[in-house]
């Protein structure tokens, strides 16, 4: 007869999945200008996220096509990608050029790159619509 497995409840901290508290992941390509960072701060404020404590900012190098970036953590609720397809994030779902997908544990929004977003009122309106859809479910 095999012995029964025993579990310690609560778990020790060394076996827990780390929770960074950063529930919003923002993905951009290249370095951010001052104007880009200002726009991101406004977007975060609209999403009720503190830019310093709730946001994981990932900048993919401009001239590189790196291996997929793994950004999904247990605390991630929203991934906001500016021009980077989900496949470059290690998420294998199909989203057209812009869109929103509600997954089981998080939501992903794909929108125009930051430099295009700042010049296009239609792209801003579409992003705002996606953000409102996310906030309604949050």
N, C-alpha and C. Protein backbone atom coordinates (compact mmCIF):
# COMPACT_ATOMS: atom_id res chain seq x y z
N UNK A 1 0.85 -1.18 0.00
CA UNK A 1 0.00 0.00 0.00
C UNK A 1 0.89 1.24 0.00
N UNK A 2 0.57 2.16 -0.90
CA UNK A 2 1.36 3.39 -1.00
C UNK A 2 0.93 4.38 0.08
N UNK A 3 1.88 5.19 0.57
CA UNK A 3 1.51 6.20 1.58
C UNK A 3 0.69 7.32 0.92
N UNK A 4 -0.14 7.95 1.73
CA UNK A 4 -0.93 9.08 1.25
C UNK A 4 -0.07 10.33 1.15
N UNK A 5 -0.33 11.13 0.13
CA UNK A 5 0.40 12.40 0.00
C UNK A 5 -0.10 13.37 1.06
N UNK A 6 0.81 14.15 1.59
CA UNK A 6 0.43 15.17 2.56
C UNK A 6 0.79 16.54 2.00
N UNK A 7 -0.05 17.49 2.26
CA UNK A 7 0.15 18.85 1.77
C UNK A 7 0.11 19.80 2.94
N UNK A 8 0.98 20.77 2.90
CA UNK A 8 0.98 21.81 3.93
C UNK A 8 0.10 22.95 3.45
N UNK A 9 -0.90 23.29 4.22
CA UNK A 9 -1.79 24.40 3.87
C UNK A 9 -1.68 25.39 5.01
N UNK A 10 -1.40 26.64 4.82
CA UNK A 10 -1.18 27.28 3.53
C UNK A 10 0.19 26.94 2.96
N UNK A 11 0.33 27.16 1.65
CA UNK A 11 1.60 26.87 0.99
C UNK A 11 2.69 27.80 1.51
N UNK A 12 3.92 27.30 1.46
CA UNK A 12 5.03 28.18 1.80
C UNK A 12 5.22 29.17 0.66
N UNK A 13 5.82 30.30 0.93
CA UNK A 13 5.98 31.34 -0.09
C UNK A 13 6.91 30.92 -1.22
N UNK A 14 7.80 29.97 -0.99
CA UNK A 14 8.74 29.59 -2.05
C UNK A 14 8.06 28.79 -3.16
N UNK A 15 6.88 28.24 -2.93
CA UNK A 15 6.17 27.48 -3.94
C UNK A 15 5.05 28.26 -4.62
N UNK A 16 4.85 29.48 -4.21
CA UNK A 16 3.77 30.28 -4.79
C UNK A 16 4.22 30.92 -6.09
N UNK A 17 3.26 31.11 -6.99
CA UNK A 17 3.53 31.83 -8.23
C UNK A 17 3.67 33.31 -7.89
N UNK A 18 4.73 33.97 -8.36
CA UNK A 18 4.90 35.38 -8.01
C UNK A 18 3.79 36.25 -8.59
N UNK A 19 3.31 37.18 -7.80
CA UNK A 19 2.27 38.11 -8.23
C UNK A 19 2.87 39.51 -8.13
N UNK A 20 3.10 40.12 -9.28
CA UNK A 20 3.77 41.42 -9.29
C UNK A 20 2.82 42.57 -8.99
N UNK A 21 1.51 42.34 -9.10
CA UNK A 21 0.55 43.42 -8.92
C UNK A 21 0.40 44.27 -10.16
N UNK A 22 1.15 43.97 -11.17
CA UNK A 22 1.09 44.73 -12.42
C UNK A 22 0.07 44.05 -13.33
N UNK A 23 -1.15 44.55 -13.29
CA UNK A 23 -2.24 43.90 -14.02
C UNK A 23 -2.38 44.38 -15.46
N UNK A 24 -1.67 45.46 -15.82
CA UNK A 24 -1.73 45.99 -17.18
C UNK A 24 -0.35 45.89 -17.83
N UNK A 25 -0.26 45.13 -18.91
CA UNK A 25 0.99 45.01 -19.66
C UNK A 25 0.84 45.82 -20.94
N UNK A 26 1.78 46.74 -21.18
CA UNK A 26 1.77 47.57 -22.37
C UNK A 26 2.98 47.20 -23.22
N UNK A 27 2.73 46.90 -24.49
CA UNK A 27 3.79 46.49 -25.40
C UNK A 27 3.92 47.52 -26.51
N UNK A 28 5.13 48.04 -26.69
CA UNK A 28 5.41 49.01 -27.75
C UNK A 28 6.65 48.56 -28.51
N UNK A 29 6.88 49.17 -29.64
CA UNK A 29 8.07 48.87 -30.43
C UNK A 29 8.98 50.10 -30.39
N UNK A 30 10.25 49.90 -30.07
CA UNK A 30 11.22 50.98 -30.05
C UNK A 30 11.14 51.83 -28.78
N UNK A 31 11.96 52.85 -28.77
CA UNK A 31 12.04 53.76 -27.62
C UNK A 31 10.83 54.69 -27.60
N UNK A 32 10.42 55.07 -26.40
CA UNK A 32 9.29 55.98 -26.25
C UNK A 32 9.76 57.42 -26.24
N UNK A 33 9.07 58.27 -26.97
CA UNK A 33 9.33 59.71 -26.90
C UNK A 33 8.57 60.26 -25.69
N UNK A 34 8.80 61.49 -25.34
CA UNK A 34 8.10 62.13 -24.23
C UNK A 34 6.60 62.18 -24.53
N UNK A 35 6.26 62.48 -25.79
CA UNK A 35 4.85 62.54 -26.19
C UNK A 35 4.19 61.17 -26.08
N UNK A 36 4.94 60.12 -26.47
CA UNK A 36 4.40 58.76 -26.39
C UNK A 36 4.14 58.38 -24.93
N UNK A 37 5.08 58.68 -24.06
CA UNK A 37 4.90 58.35 -22.65
C UNK A 37 3.74 59.13 -22.05
N UNK A 38 3.58 60.38 -22.45
CA UNK A 38 2.45 61.18 -21.98
C UNK A 38 1.13 60.56 -22.42
N UNK A 39 1.06 60.11 -23.67
CA UNK A 39 -0.14 59.45 -24.18
C UNK A 39 -0.42 58.16 -23.41
N UNK A 40 0.63 57.38 -23.13
CA UNK A 40 0.45 56.14 -22.36
C UNK A 40 -0.07 56.42 -20.96
N UNK A 41 0.43 57.48 -20.34
CA UNK A 41 -0.05 57.84 -19.00
C UNK A 41 -1.53 58.21 -19.03
N UNK A 42 -1.96 58.91 -20.09
CA UNK A 42 -3.38 59.26 -20.22
C UNK A 42 -4.23 58.01 -20.42
N UNK A 43 -3.74 57.08 -21.22
CA UNK A 43 -4.46 55.83 -21.44
C UNK A 43 -4.57 55.05 -20.14
N UNK A 44 -3.49 54.99 -19.38
CA UNK A 44 -3.51 54.30 -18.09
C UNK A 44 -4.50 54.95 -17.12
N UNK A 45 -4.53 56.26 -17.10
CA UNK A 45 -5.47 56.96 -16.23
C UNK A 45 -6.91 56.61 -16.62
N UNK A 46 -7.19 56.53 -17.92
CA UNK A 46 -8.53 56.17 -18.38
C UNK A 46 -8.88 54.74 -17.98
N UNK A 47 -7.89 53.88 -17.89
CA UNK A 47 -8.11 52.49 -17.47
C UNK A 47 -8.06 52.32 -15.95
N UNK A 48 -7.86 53.42 -15.23
CA UNK A 48 -7.77 53.41 -13.77
C UNK A 48 -6.58 52.59 -13.28
N UNK A 49 -5.47 52.76 -14.00
CA UNK A 49 -4.22 52.07 -13.65
C UNK A 49 -3.16 53.11 -13.32
N UNK A 50 -2.42 52.88 -12.27
CA UNK A 50 -1.30 53.74 -11.92
C UNK A 50 -0.10 53.33 -12.77
N UNK A 51 0.45 54.27 -13.54
CA UNK A 51 1.53 53.97 -14.47
C UNK A 51 2.74 53.39 -13.76
N UNK A 52 3.02 53.84 -12.57
CA UNK A 52 4.22 53.41 -11.84
C UNK A 52 4.05 52.04 -11.18
N UNK A 53 2.87 51.74 -10.66
CA UNK A 53 2.71 50.51 -9.88
C UNK A 53 1.93 49.40 -10.57
N UNK A 54 1.04 49.73 -11.49
CA UNK A 54 0.18 48.71 -12.12
C UNK A 54 0.59 48.31 -13.52
N UNK A 55 1.58 48.97 -14.10
CA UNK A 55 1.91 48.77 -15.51
C UNK A 55 3.26 48.10 -15.69
N UNK A 56 3.26 47.04 -16.50
CA UNK A 56 4.48 46.40 -16.96
C UNK A 56 4.70 46.89 -18.38
N UNK A 57 5.72 47.71 -18.60
CA UNK A 57 5.99 48.30 -19.90
C UNK A 57 7.08 47.49 -20.60
N UNK A 58 6.74 47.00 -21.80
CA UNK A 58 7.68 46.19 -22.57
C UNK A 58 7.93 46.88 -23.89
N UNK A 59 9.19 47.23 -24.15
CA UNK A 59 9.58 47.85 -25.42
C UNK A 59 10.37 46.84 -26.23
N UNK A 60 9.82 46.46 -27.37
CA UNK A 60 10.51 45.53 -28.25
C UNK A 60 11.44 46.34 -29.14
N UNK A 61 12.71 45.96 -29.26
CA UNK A 61 13.66 46.74 -30.07
C UNK A 61 13.16 46.96 -31.49
N UNK A 62 13.40 48.15 -32.01
CA UNK A 62 12.91 48.56 -33.33
C UNK A 62 13.46 47.72 -34.48
N UNK A 63 14.74 47.42 -34.44
CA UNK A 63 15.37 46.73 -35.57
C UNK A 63 15.47 45.22 -35.37
N UNK A 64 14.90 44.71 -34.29
CA UNK A 64 14.97 43.29 -33.99
C UNK A 64 13.62 42.64 -34.21
N UNK A 65 13.63 41.38 -34.48
CA UNK A 65 12.44 40.57 -34.47
C UNK A 65 12.72 39.46 -33.46
N UNK A 66 12.58 39.78 -32.16
CA UNK A 66 13.02 38.85 -31.13
C UNK A 66 12.12 37.62 -31.03
N UNK A 67 12.59 36.66 -30.27
CA UNK A 67 11.77 35.50 -29.94
C UNK A 67 10.57 36.00 -29.15
N UNK A 68 9.49 35.24 -29.15
CA UNK A 68 8.29 35.70 -28.43
C UNK A 68 8.60 36.10 -26.99
N UNK A 69 8.02 37.21 -26.57
CA UNK A 69 8.19 37.73 -25.22
C UNK A 69 7.09 37.12 -24.35
N UNK A 70 7.48 36.48 -23.28
CA UNK A 70 6.48 35.91 -22.38
C UNK A 70 6.11 36.96 -21.33
N UNK A 71 4.88 37.45 -21.39
CA UNK A 71 4.50 38.50 -20.46
C UNK A 71 3.33 38.14 -19.58
N UNK A 72 2.73 36.99 -19.79
CA UNK A 72 1.54 36.66 -19.02
C UNK A 72 1.93 36.19 -17.62
N UNK A 73 1.45 36.91 -16.62
CA UNK A 73 1.64 36.56 -15.22
C UNK A 73 0.27 36.33 -14.61
N UNK A 74 0.24 35.81 -13.42
CA UNK A 74 -1.06 35.56 -12.78
C UNK A 74 -1.82 36.85 -12.53
N UNK A 75 -1.13 37.96 -12.38
CA UNK A 75 -1.81 39.22 -12.09
C UNK A 75 -2.26 39.96 -13.36
N UNK A 76 -1.82 39.53 -14.53
CA UNK A 76 -2.15 40.22 -15.78
C UNK A 76 -3.63 40.08 -16.09
N UNK A 77 -4.30 41.23 -16.23
CA UNK A 77 -5.71 41.25 -16.60
C UNK A 77 -5.91 41.81 -18.00
N UNK A 78 -4.98 42.70 -18.43
CA UNK A 78 -5.10 43.33 -19.74
C UNK A 78 -3.72 43.46 -20.37
N UNK A 79 -3.62 43.06 -21.63
CA UNK A 79 -2.42 43.30 -22.41
C UNK A 79 -2.81 44.27 -23.51
N UNK A 80 -2.17 45.41 -23.53
CA UNK A 80 -2.43 46.47 -24.51
C UNK A 80 -1.22 46.55 -25.42
N UNK A 81 -1.38 46.10 -26.66
CA UNK A 81 -0.26 46.02 -27.59
C UNK A 81 -0.42 47.07 -28.69
N UNK A 82 0.57 47.89 -28.83
CA UNK A 82 0.57 48.95 -29.84
C UNK A 82 1.33 48.49 -31.07
N UNK A 83 0.60 47.86 -32.00
CA UNK A 83 1.18 47.45 -33.26
C UNK A 83 1.91 46.11 -33.26
N UNK A 84 2.06 45.48 -32.13
CA UNK A 84 2.75 44.19 -32.06
C UNK A 84 1.72 43.07 -32.03
N UNK A 85 1.75 42.16 -33.00
CA UNK A 85 0.77 41.07 -33.03
C UNK A 85 0.93 40.14 -31.83
N UNK A 86 -0.14 39.48 -31.44
CA UNK A 86 -0.06 38.56 -30.29
C UNK A 86 1.00 37.49 -30.44
N UNK A 87 1.30 37.06 -31.66
CA UNK A 87 2.32 36.02 -31.84
C UNK A 87 3.69 36.47 -31.36
N UNK A 88 4.00 37.78 -31.45
CA UNK A 88 5.29 38.26 -30.95
C UNK A 88 5.32 38.30 -29.42
N UNK A 89 4.15 38.09 -28.81
CA UNK A 89 4.06 38.06 -27.35
C UNK A 89 3.94 36.63 -26.82
N UNK A 90 4.02 35.67 -27.72
CA UNK A 90 3.89 34.29 -27.30
C UNK A 90 2.44 33.88 -27.09
N UNK A 91 1.51 34.64 -27.65
CA UNK A 91 0.08 34.33 -27.54
C UNK A 91 -0.40 33.95 -28.94
N UNK A 92 -0.82 32.74 -29.11
CA UNK A 92 -1.14 32.24 -30.44
C UNK A 92 -2.63 32.30 -30.70
N UNK A 93 -3.14 33.53 -30.81
CA UNK A 93 -4.53 33.74 -31.18
C UNK A 93 -4.55 34.66 -32.39
N UNK A 94 -5.65 34.64 -33.11
CA UNK A 94 -5.77 35.44 -34.32
C UNK A 94 -6.53 36.72 -34.02
N UNK A 95 -5.89 37.85 -34.24
CA UNK A 95 -6.54 39.15 -34.14
C UNK A 95 -6.22 39.88 -35.43
N UNK A 96 -7.24 40.48 -36.07
CA UNK A 96 -6.93 41.26 -37.27
C UNK A 96 -6.02 42.45 -36.93
N UNK A 97 -5.84 43.35 -37.82
CA UNK A 97 -4.90 44.46 -37.60
C UNK A 97 -5.15 45.20 -36.29
N UNK A 98 -6.40 45.36 -35.89
CA UNK A 98 -6.73 45.90 -34.57
C UNK A 98 -7.91 45.10 -34.04
N UNK A 99 -7.99 44.99 -32.73
CA UNK A 99 -9.11 44.24 -32.17
C UNK A 99 -8.94 43.95 -30.70
N UNK A 100 -9.93 43.28 -30.15
CA UNK A 100 -9.92 42.90 -28.74
C UNK A 100 -10.35 41.44 -28.65
N UNK A 101 -9.69 40.71 -27.75
CA UNK A 101 -10.05 39.32 -27.50
C UNK A 101 -10.13 39.13 -25.99
N UNK A 102 -11.23 38.53 -25.56
CA UNK A 102 -11.43 38.22 -24.16
C UNK A 102 -11.06 36.76 -23.95
N UNK A 103 -9.96 36.54 -23.25
CA UNK A 103 -9.51 35.20 -22.96
C UNK A 103 -10.05 34.80 -21.58
N UNK A 104 -9.77 33.58 -21.16
CA UNK A 104 -10.28 33.11 -19.89
C UNK A 104 -9.73 33.91 -18.71
N UNK A 105 -8.43 34.20 -18.72
CA UNK A 105 -7.83 34.86 -17.56
C UNK A 105 -7.36 36.29 -17.83
N UNK A 106 -7.38 36.73 -19.09
CA UNK A 106 -6.96 38.09 -19.40
C UNK A 106 -7.60 38.53 -20.71
N UNK A 107 -7.46 39.82 -21.00
CA UNK A 107 -7.96 40.41 -22.23
C UNK A 107 -6.77 40.99 -22.99
N UNK A 108 -6.80 40.90 -24.31
CA UNK A 108 -5.74 41.51 -25.11
C UNK A 108 -6.37 42.48 -26.11
N UNK A 109 -5.78 43.66 -26.17
CA UNK A 109 -6.19 44.68 -27.14
C UNK A 109 -5.00 44.95 -28.06
N UNK A 110 -5.25 44.81 -29.35
CA UNK A 110 -4.24 45.15 -30.36
C UNK A 110 -4.70 46.43 -31.04
N UNK A 111 -3.87 47.44 -31.01
CA UNK A 111 -4.21 48.72 -31.63
C UNK A 111 -3.04 49.20 -32.48
N UNK A 112 -3.21 50.35 -33.08
CA UNK A 112 -2.19 50.92 -33.96
C UNK A 112 -0.92 51.26 -33.16
N UNK A 113 0.23 51.30 -33.83
CA UNK A 113 1.45 51.75 -33.14
C UNK A 113 1.26 53.16 -32.58
N UNK A 114 2.00 53.49 -31.54
CA UNK A 114 1.83 54.79 -30.86
C UNK A 114 1.97 55.98 -31.80
N UNK A 115 2.95 55.95 -32.71
CA UNK A 115 3.16 57.10 -33.59
C UNK A 115 1.99 57.29 -34.55
N UNK A 116 1.30 56.21 -34.92
CA UNK A 116 0.10 56.32 -35.76
C UNK A 116 -1.12 56.72 -34.95
N UNK A 117 -1.19 56.21 -33.73
CA UNK A 117 -2.34 56.48 -32.87
C UNK A 117 -2.47 57.97 -32.56
N UNK A 118 -1.35 58.62 -32.32
CA UNK A 118 -1.38 60.03 -31.97
C UNK A 118 -1.86 60.91 -33.12
N UNK A 119 -1.77 60.40 -34.37
CA UNK A 119 -2.17 61.19 -35.54
C UNK A 119 -3.54 60.82 -36.08
N UNK A 120 -4.14 59.75 -35.59
CA UNK A 120 -5.37 59.24 -36.16
C UNK A 120 -6.53 59.29 -35.16
N UNK A 121 -7.47 60.21 -35.35
CA UNK A 121 -8.65 60.27 -34.47
C UNK A 121 -9.48 58.98 -34.51
N UNK A 122 -9.56 58.34 -35.69
CA UNK A 122 -10.33 57.10 -35.79
C UNK A 122 -9.71 55.98 -34.97
N UNK A 123 -8.38 55.88 -34.99
CA UNK A 123 -7.69 54.85 -34.21
C UNK A 123 -7.87 55.11 -32.71
N UNK A 124 -7.84 56.38 -32.31
CA UNK A 124 -8.06 56.72 -30.90
C UNK A 124 -9.48 56.35 -30.48
N UNK A 125 -10.45 56.63 -31.34
CA UNK A 125 -11.85 56.31 -31.04
C UNK A 125 -12.04 54.80 -30.90
N UNK A 126 -11.40 54.05 -31.79
CA UNK A 126 -11.50 52.61 -31.73
C UNK A 126 -10.85 52.06 -30.46
N UNK A 127 -9.68 52.58 -30.09
CA UNK A 127 -9.02 52.17 -28.85
C UNK A 127 -9.91 52.48 -27.65
N UNK A 128 -10.51 53.64 -27.63
CA UNK A 128 -11.39 54.03 -26.53
C UNK A 128 -12.56 53.05 -26.42
N UNK A 129 -13.10 52.63 -27.56
CA UNK A 129 -14.19 51.67 -27.57
C UNK A 129 -13.75 50.33 -26.98
N UNK A 130 -12.55 49.87 -27.36
CA UNK A 130 -12.02 48.63 -26.81
C UNK A 130 -11.80 48.75 -25.30
N UNK A 131 -11.27 49.88 -24.86
CA UNK A 131 -11.02 50.09 -23.43
C UNK A 131 -12.33 50.10 -22.64
N UNK A 132 -13.37 50.71 -23.20
CA UNK A 132 -14.67 50.71 -22.52
C UNK A 132 -15.23 49.30 -22.40
N UNK A 133 -15.06 48.49 -23.43
CA UNK A 133 -15.50 47.09 -23.37
C UNK A 133 -14.79 46.35 -22.26
N UNK A 134 -13.50 46.59 -22.11
CA UNK A 134 -12.72 45.95 -21.05
C UNK A 134 -13.22 46.41 -19.68
N UNK A 135 -13.41 47.72 -19.52
CA UNK A 135 -13.83 48.27 -18.22
C UNK A 135 -15.22 47.78 -17.80
N UNK A 136 -16.08 47.52 -18.76
CA UNK A 136 -17.41 47.02 -18.45
C UNK A 136 -17.36 45.62 -17.84
N UNK A 137 -16.37 44.84 -18.24
CA UNK A 137 -16.24 43.48 -17.71
C UNK A 137 -15.39 43.39 -16.47
N UNK A 138 -14.60 44.40 -16.21
CA UNK A 138 -13.66 44.39 -15.08
C UNK A 138 -14.34 44.39 -13.75
